[in-house]
Amino acid sequence: MHIRHLVCTDNFAGVERYVATTSTELARRGHDLEVFGGEVEAMTASLAGTGVTFVEAPGPSAAFRATRRAPSPDIVHAHMTGADLVAIATRPLTRAPVVSTLHFARPRGHDRFTRGAYSAIPRLVTVEIAISRFVADNAGGRPVVILNGVPVPADTPTGAARAEVVLAAQRLESEKATVVALQAFASSGLTDRGWELHLAGEGSQREHLERQAATLGIGASTRFLGRVADLDRRMAEASLLLATAPAEPFGLSVVEAMAAGLPVIAADGGAHRETIGSATPETLFPSGDAAAAGALLRRFADDRAARDDLAARGRLRHAEAFTIEAHVDALEALYTRITAPRERRGAR
């Protein structure tokens, strides 16, 4: 199949990473893949050597113009509202079914007016997908749930020595509650024992969080890494992942940690209950409760055998439910189902 993924942004956050990974796996299976949008340097690097065609489309207008110039695909798969609108507006040109993936646990739109305007989108696309049951329950409509999947890192050592590092890999924005990670690390007392907190990610709260780290007395043991290109290596070297978002729609970094054998301590909310909570429920803490998160950090920092057990259970659960292969199997089945009527019409 000729499949076009529309993302229509100039970013490279969770949605764009998902598009790159999924498109790569679809291309590996012999499909003809295009990706419209995503931050140019990061998306180009992610898709290098995969056979996926990347088209710069830093917004809906650019994606609309690119669509008008490009050959029609068999499937248009849109991600986020701007891409949904482009896919719908260009459907008379492409004549292709439109799949829309819901990546956020809220209805489209930021106010009553836009929510009303966008409420027609579910009726104008062929099918909607939700990336978790949590998203399906909160985004509105009646989407099909297809759980996200991530690949196993190329190097996933078992039993290897790991650094005394707590890693948090998330955007530095208010909805991720990264301040809870700082407070939890401070309350754990691990800084006095030589442990460090590494924050991988960018966002508008960075300066505020740096000040908070200094105020909490952990500035010297907290490293702000920015956006990292070697997250797999960071996960292979750290001892614990801390995920503080109280309403995570899915949490790619959490499931990547599971695949990498990195134990995860996470807020008990959102899709964390479906991902790491389905493997190691004892590592969930009440959302926003930094003291409880700190106690879990201290508990598992002190117990290497327990960390090894958490890692093994996380790996097993990833293999059961969250592989990229299983995710793409489900996508292929959906694509085949919704393109079959078109193929039958063409054969007449």
Protein backbone atom coordinates (compact mmCIF):
# COMPACT_ATOMS: atom_id res chain seq x y z
CA MET A 1 0.00 0.00 0.00
CA HIS A 2 0.95 3.62 -0.54
CA ILE A 3 0.48 5.18 2.92
CA ARG A 4 0.79 8.86 3.81
CA HIS A 5 1.26 9.92 7.43
CA LEU A 6 0.32 13.56 8.00
CA VAL A 7 1.67 15.22 11.14
CA CYS A 8 1.90 18.84 9.89
CA THR A 9 4.24 20.24 12.56
CA ASP A 10 7.82 21.45 12.90
CA ASN A 11 8.30 19.59 16.20
CA PHE A 12 9.79 16.25 17.16
CA ALA A 13 8.02 15.19 20.33
CA GLY A 14 6.04 12.06 21.15
CA VAL A 15 3.64 12.17 18.21
CA GLU A 16 6.39 12.77 15.68
CA ARG A 17 8.58 10.03 17.19
CA TYR A 18 5.61 7.65 16.96
CA VAL A 19 5.06 8.55 13.29
CA ALA A 20 8.73 7.96 12.47
CA THR A 21 8.85 4.59 14.25
CA THR A 22 5.57 3.32 12.83
CA SER A 23 6.37 4.46 9.30
CA THR A 24 9.73 2.74 9.49
CA GLU A 25 8.14 -0.57 10.44
CA LEU A 26 5.49 -0.25 7.72
CA ALA A 27 8.20 0.47 5.14
CA ARG A 28 10.20 -2.53 6.36
CA ARG A 29 7.16 -4.66 5.48
CA GLY A 30 7.20 -3.44 1.89
CA HIS A 31 4.71 -0.59 1.96
CA ASP A 32 5.35 2.75 0.22
CA LEU A 33 5.53 5.35 3.01
CA GLU A 34 5.48 9.14 3.08
CA VAL A 35 5.68 11.36 6.16
CA PHE A 36 4.49 14.94 5.82
CA GLY A 37 5.77 17.13 8.67
CA GLY A 38 7.96 17.01 11.75
CA GLU A 39 11.11 18.93 12.64
CA VAL A 40 13.34 18.58 9.59
CA GLU A 41 16.66 17.59 11.14
CA ALA A 42 15.25 15.13 13.66
CA MET A 43 12.75 13.54 11.29
CA THR A 44 15.34 13.23 8.53
CA ALA A 45 17.75 11.54 10.92
CA SER A 46 15.06 9.18 12.23
CA LEU A 47 14.02 8.12 8.73
CA ALA A 48 17.48 7.89 7.19
CA GLY A 49 17.98 4.59 5.39
CA THR A 50 14.42 3.38 6.00
CA GLY A 51 13.00 4.00 2.54
CA VAL A 52 10.38 6.38 3.96
CA THR A 53 9.92 9.58 1.96
CA PHE A 54 10.00 12.71 4.12
CA VAL A 55 8.21 15.86 2.97
CA GLU A 56 8.70 19.14 4.81
CA ALA A 57 5.29 20.32 5.99
CA PRO A 58 5.73 22.56 9.06
CA GLY A 59 2.03 23.41 9.21
CA PRO A 60 -1.35 22.66 7.64
CA SER A 61 -0.88 25.14 4.78
CA ALA A 62 2.41 23.56 3.73
CA ALA A 63 0.91 20.08 4.01
CA PHE A 64 -2.08 21.15 1.91
CA ARG A 65 0.21 22.46 -0.84
CA ALA A 66 2.38 19.32 -0.72
CA THR A 67 -0.70 17.10 -0.96
CA ARG A 68 -1.90 18.91 -4.07
CA ARG A 69 1.45 18.20 -5.78
CA ALA A 70 1.86 14.56 -4.71
CA PRO A 71 0.42 11.36 -6.22
CA SER A 72 -2.64 10.05 -4.40
CA PRO A 73 -1.98 7.44 -1.70
CA ASP A 74 -4.11 4.45 -0.78
CA ILE A 75 -4.40 5.61 2.86
CA VAL A 76 -4.05 9.01 4.52
CA HIS A 77 -3.25 8.66 8.21
CA ALA A 78 -3.56 11.94 10.13
CA HIS A 79 -2.17 12.84 13.54
CA MET A 80 -3.54 15.82 15.51
CA THR A 81 -6.22 18.28 14.49
CA GLY A 82 -4.29 20.29 11.89
CA ALA A 83 -3.48 17.11 10.01
CA ASP A 84 -7.09 15.93 10.32
CA LEU A 85 -8.27 19.14 8.64
CA VAL A 86 -5.76 18.78 5.80
CA ALA A 87 -6.72 15.15 5.24
CA ILE A 88 -10.42 16.03 5.11
CA ALA A 89 -9.93 19.10 2.90
CA THR A 90 -7.83 17.18 0.36
CA ARG A 91 -9.94 14.04 0.30
CA PRO A 92 -11.64 15.08 -2.97
CA LEU A 93 -8.13 15.03 -4.49
CA THR A 94 -6.73 11.89 -2.86
CA ARG A 95 -10.00 9.91 -2.83
CA ALA A 96 -8.35 7.88 -0.09
CA PRO A 97 -9.76 6.67 3.23
CA VAL A 98 -8.68 8.86 6.15
CA VAL A 99 -7.49 7.38 9.43
CA SER A 100 -7.17 9.78 12.37
CA THR A 101 -5.19 8.84 15.47
CA LEU A 102 -6.18 10.49 18.74
CA HIS A 103 -3.01 11.11 20.73
CA PHE A 104 -4.50 13.20 23.55
CA ALA A 105 -7.03 12.42 26.26
CA ARG A 106 -9.34 15.33 25.55
CA PRO A 107 -11.74 16.40 22.79
CA ARG A 108 -10.28 18.36 19.90
CA GLY A 109 -10.18 22.13 20.44
CA HIS A 110 -9.13 24.43 23.25
CA ASP A 111 -12.41 26.27 23.93
CA ARG A 112 -16.13 25.89 23.40
CA PHE A 113 -16.04 27.43 19.93
CA THR A 114 -13.24 25.27 18.52
CA ARG A 115 -14.57 22.14 20.21
CA GLY A 116 -17.89 22.76 18.50
CA ALA A 117 -16.23 23.39 15.15
CA TYR A 118 -14.10 20.27 15.37
CA SER A 119 -16.90 18.02 16.61
CA ALA A 120 -17.69 17.11 13.00
CA ILE A 121 -14.27 15.58 12.36
CA PRO A 122 -15.18 12.06 13.57
CA ARG A 123 -17.99 11.95 11.00
CA LEU A 124 -15.71 13.13 8.19
CA VAL A 125 -12.90 10.60 8.62
CA THR A 126 -13.13 6.90 7.86
CA VAL A 127 -12.03 5.68 11.28
CA GLU A 128 -10.50 7.06 14.47
CA ILE A 129 -7.85 5.27 16.53
CA ALA A 130 -7.11 5.92 20.21
CA ILE A 131 -3.60 5.10 21.44
CA SER A 132 -4.88 3.86 24.83
CA ARG A 133 -8.12 3.07 26.61
CA PHE A 134 -7.53 6.23 28.67
CA VAL A 135 -7.54 8.34 25.50
CA ALA A 136 -10.61 6.54 24.15
CA ASP A 137 -12.51 7.22 27.36
CA ASN A 138 -11.65 10.93 27.44
CA ALA A 139 -11.32 12.15 23.85
CA GLY A 140 -14.95 11.65 22.86
CA GLY A 141 -16.34 9.74 19.92
CA ARG A 142 -16.05 6.00 19.47
CA PRO A 143 -12.47 5.32 18.42
CA VAL A 144 -10.90 1.93 17.92
CA VAL A 145 -8.23 1.31 20.58
CA ILE A 146 -4.89 0.22 19.13
CA LEU A 147 -2.25 0.37 21.81
CA ASN A 148 0.99 2.01 20.74
CA GLY A 149 4.07 -0.12 20.35
CA VAL A 150 7.81 0.49 20.48
CA PRO A 151 10.75 -1.56 19.21
CA VAL A 152 13.21 -3.33 21.45
CA PRO A 153 16.43 -1.27 21.52
CA ALA A 154 19.28 -2.76 19.55
CA ASP A 155 21.37 -3.12 22.71
CA THR A 156 19.37 -4.25 25.73
CA PRO A 157 21.88 -5.73 28.17
CA THR A 158 20.58 -7.90 30.99
CA GLY A 159 22.34 -7.91 34.32
CA ALA A 160 24.76 -5.19 33.22
CA ALA A 161 26.04 -2.67 35.73
CA ARG A 162 24.00 0.51 35.65
CA ALA A 163 24.88 3.98 36.87
CA GLU A 164 23.27 5.42 39.99
CA VAL A 165 20.98 7.57 37.88
CA VAL A 166 17.26 8.28 37.97
CA LEU A 167 16.18 9.25 34.46
CA ALA A 168 13.10 11.27 33.52
CA ALA A 169 12.44 11.51 29.77
CA GLN A 170 9.59 13.93 29.06
CA ARG A 171 8.80 17.41 27.76
CA LEU A 172 9.44 20.11 30.34
CA GLU A 173 5.87 21.40 30.29
CA SER A 174 3.37 21.76 33.10
CA GLU A 175 1.24 18.75 32.12
CA LYS A 176 4.23 16.45 32.69
CA ALA A 177 4.59 17.62 36.34
CA THR A 178 8.38 17.49 36.18
CA VAL A 179 8.56 19.53 39.39
CA VAL A 180 7.29 16.38 41.14
CA ALA A 181 10.36 14.53 39.84
CA LEU A 182 12.62 17.17 41.43
CA GLN A 183 10.70 17.07 44.72
CA ALA A 184 10.69 13.26 44.75
CA PHE A 185 14.42 13.04 44.13
CA ALA A 186 15.06 15.61 46.85
CA SER A 187 12.88 13.74 49.35
CA SER A 188 14.48 10.38 48.51
CA GLY A 189 17.83 11.42 49.98
CA LEU A 190 19.62 9.71 47.08
CA THR A 191 21.66 12.79 46.27
CA ASP A 192 23.55 12.30 49.56
CA ARG A 193 24.52 8.81 48.38
CA GLY A 194 25.92 9.93 45.04
CA TRP A 195 22.89 9.36 42.84
CA GLU A 196 21.97 11.82 40.08
CA LEU A 197 18.70 12.87 38.45
CA HIS A 198 18.92 13.26 34.66
CA LEU A 199 16.13 15.09 32.82
CA ALA A 200 15.96 14.38 29.09
CA GLY A 201 13.67 16.77 27.27
CA GLU A 202 13.03 20.36 26.35
CA GLY A 203 10.24 22.76 27.20
CA SER A 204 9.15 26.14 28.44
CA GLN A 205 9.59 25.22 32.11
CA ARG A 206 13.31 24.50 31.95
CA GLU A 207 14.52 27.70 33.64
CA HIS A 208 11.84 27.42 36.32
CA LEU A 209 12.82 23.81 36.98
CA GLU A 210 16.50 24.68 37.17
CA ARG A 211 15.67 27.23 39.86
CA GLN A 212 13.54 24.68 41.68
CA ALA A 213 16.39 22.16 41.67
CA ALA A 214 18.69 24.74 43.25
CA THR A 215 16.07 25.68 45.86
CA LEU A 216 15.58 22.01 46.77
CA GLY A 217 19.30 21.54 47.24
CA ILE A 218 19.72 19.09 44.36
CA GLY A 219 21.09 21.46 41.73
CA ALA A 220 24.54 19.86 41.75
CA SER A 221 23.13 16.35 41.27
CA THR A 222 20.51 17.23 38.64
CA ARG A 223 21.46 17.30 34.98
CA PHE A 224 19.24 18.93 32.35
CA LEU A 225 20.15 17.09 29.17
CA GLY A 226 17.82 18.80 26.69
CA ARG A 227 16.57 16.75 23.78
CA VAL A 228 18.78 13.69 23.42
CA ALA A 229 19.39 11.64 20.31
CA ASP A 230 20.69 8.67 22.30
CA LEU A 231 17.77 7.90 24.59
CA ASP A 232 18.31 4.15 24.14
CA ARG A 233 21.82 4.49 25.57
CA ARG A 234 20.58 6.65 28.44
CA MET A 235 18.01 4.01 29.31
CA ALA A 236 20.62 1.25 29.12
CA GLU A 237 22.81 3.13 31.60
CA ALA A 238 20.25 4.43 34.14
CA SER A 239 18.90 2.43 37.09
CA LEU A 240 15.36 3.83 37.33
CA LEU A 241 12.96 5.80 35.14
CA LEU A 242 10.66 8.30 36.85
CA ALA A 243 7.46 9.29 35.00
CA THR A 244 5.44 11.97 36.80
CA ALA A 245 2.72 13.00 34.31
CA PRO A 246 -0.62 12.58 36.09
CA ALA A 247 -2.68 12.06 32.92
CA GLU A 248 -0.28 10.57 30.35
CA PRO A 249 -2.15 9.62 27.15
CA PHE A 250 0.27 6.74 26.54
CA GLY A 251 3.87 7.48 27.51
CA LEU A 252 6.31 6.28 24.87
CA SER A 253 9.30 6.69 27.18
CA VAL A 254 7.67 4.46 29.80
CA VAL A 255 7.12 1.64 27.32
CA GLU A 256 10.58 2.18 25.83
CA ALA A 257 11.97 1.74 29.33
CA MET A 258 9.98 -1.48 29.71
CA ALA A 259 11.46 -2.76 26.44
CA ALA A 260 14.94 -1.77 27.62
CA GLY A 261 14.65 -3.49 30.99
CA LEU A 262 14.70 -0.20 32.90
CA PRO A 263 12.43 -0.27 35.99
CA VAL A 264 9.76 2.45 35.96
CA ILE A 265 8.28 4.42 38.84
CA ALA A 266 5.23 6.31 37.58
CA ALA A 267 2.25 8.40 38.63
CA ASP A 268 -0.87 6.32 39.12
CA GLY A 269 -2.99 7.96 36.45
CA GLY A 270 -3.66 8.13 32.74
CA ALA A 271 -2.32 5.33 30.59
CA HIS A 272 0.40 4.49 33.11
CA ARG A 273 -2.14 2.09 34.59
CA GLU A 274 -2.38 0.29 31.24
CA THR A 275 1.36 0.21 30.54
CA ILE A 276 3.74 -0.11 33.47
CA GLY A 277 0.85 -0.55 35.90
CA SER A 278 -0.07 -3.78 34.12
CA ALA A 279 3.44 -5.11 34.78
CA THR A 280 4.58 -3.68 38.12
CA PRO A 281 1.62 -2.06 39.89
CA GLU A 282 3.67 -1.64 43.08
CA THR A 283 5.76 1.04 41.33
CA LEU A 284 2.81 3.41 40.86
CA PHE A 285 2.49 6.35 43.26
CA PRO A 286 -0.48 8.70 43.79
CA SER A 287 -0.28 11.45 41.17
CA GLY A 288 1.43 14.55 42.55
CA ASP A 289 2.62 12.82 45.73
CA ALA A 290 6.34 13.57 45.66
CA ALA A 291 6.95 12.00 49.06
CA ALA A 292 5.46 8.69 47.91
CA ALA A 293 7.49 8.82 44.70
CA GLY A 294 10.63 9.57 46.72
CA ALA A 295 9.97 6.62 48.99
CA LEU A 296 9.72 4.32 45.96
CA LEU A 297 12.96 5.72 44.55
CA ARG A 298 14.70 5.04 47.84
CA ARG A 299 13.19 1.56 48.17
CA PHE A 300 14.29 0.36 44.75
CA ALA A 301 17.62 2.18 44.77
CA ASP A 302 18.46 0.07 47.82
CA ASP A 303 17.45 -3.25 46.26
CA ARG A 304 19.21 -4.38 43.10
CA ALA A 305 17.43 -7.74 43.10
CA ALA A 306 14.06 -6.00 43.22
CA ARG A 307 15.08 -3.76 40.33
CA ASP A 308 16.08 -6.81 38.30
CA ASP A 309 12.67 -8.36 38.99
CA LEU A 310 10.88 -5.17 37.91
CA ALA A 311 12.98 -5.06 34.75
CA ALA A 312 12.14 -8.66 33.85
CA ARG A 313 8.42 -8.13 34.37
CA GLY A 314 8.49 -4.92 32.34
CA ARG A 315 10.25 -6.65 29.46
CA LEU A 316 7.75 -9.51 29.54
CA ARG A 317 4.75 -7.18 29.50
CA HIS A 318 6.22 -5.19 26.63
CA ALA A 319 6.66 -8.40 24.64
CA GLU A 320 3.05 -9.39 25.37
CA ALA A 321 1.31 -6.12 24.54
CA PHE A 322 3.46 -3.22 23.36
CA THR A 323 5.76 -4.32 20.55
CA ILE A 324 5.98 -2.28 17.36
CA GLU A 325 5.26 -5.48 15.45
CA ALA A 326 1.92 -6.04 17.20
CA HIS A 327 0.98 -2.39 16.75
CA VAL A 328 1.69 -2.43 13.04
CA ASP A 329 -0.08 -5.79 12.64
CA ALA A 330 -3.21 -4.08 13.94
CA LEU A 331 -2.71 -1.05 11.68
CA GLU A 332 -2.25 -3.25 8.62
CA ALA A 333 -5.43 -5.14 9.41
CA LEU A 334 -7.31 -1.85 9.75
CA TYR A 335 -5.85 -0.44 6.54
CA THR A 336 -6.77 -3.59 4.65
CA ARG A 337 -10.33 -3.53 5.94
CA ILE A 338 -11.02 0.09 5.00
CA THR A 339 -9.36 -0.08 1.58
CA ALA A 340 -11.11 -3.29 0.53
CA PRO A 341 -14.33 -1.55 -0.65
CA ARG A 342 -12.23 0.84 -2.75
CA GLU A 343 -10.34 -2.06 -4.33
CA ARG A 344 -13.60 -3.86 -5.12
CA ARG A 345 -14.96 -0.75 -6.82
CA GLY A 346 -11.77 -0.42 -8.87
CA ALA A 347 -12.05 -4.02 -10.07
CA ARG A 348 -15.47 -3.49 -11.58
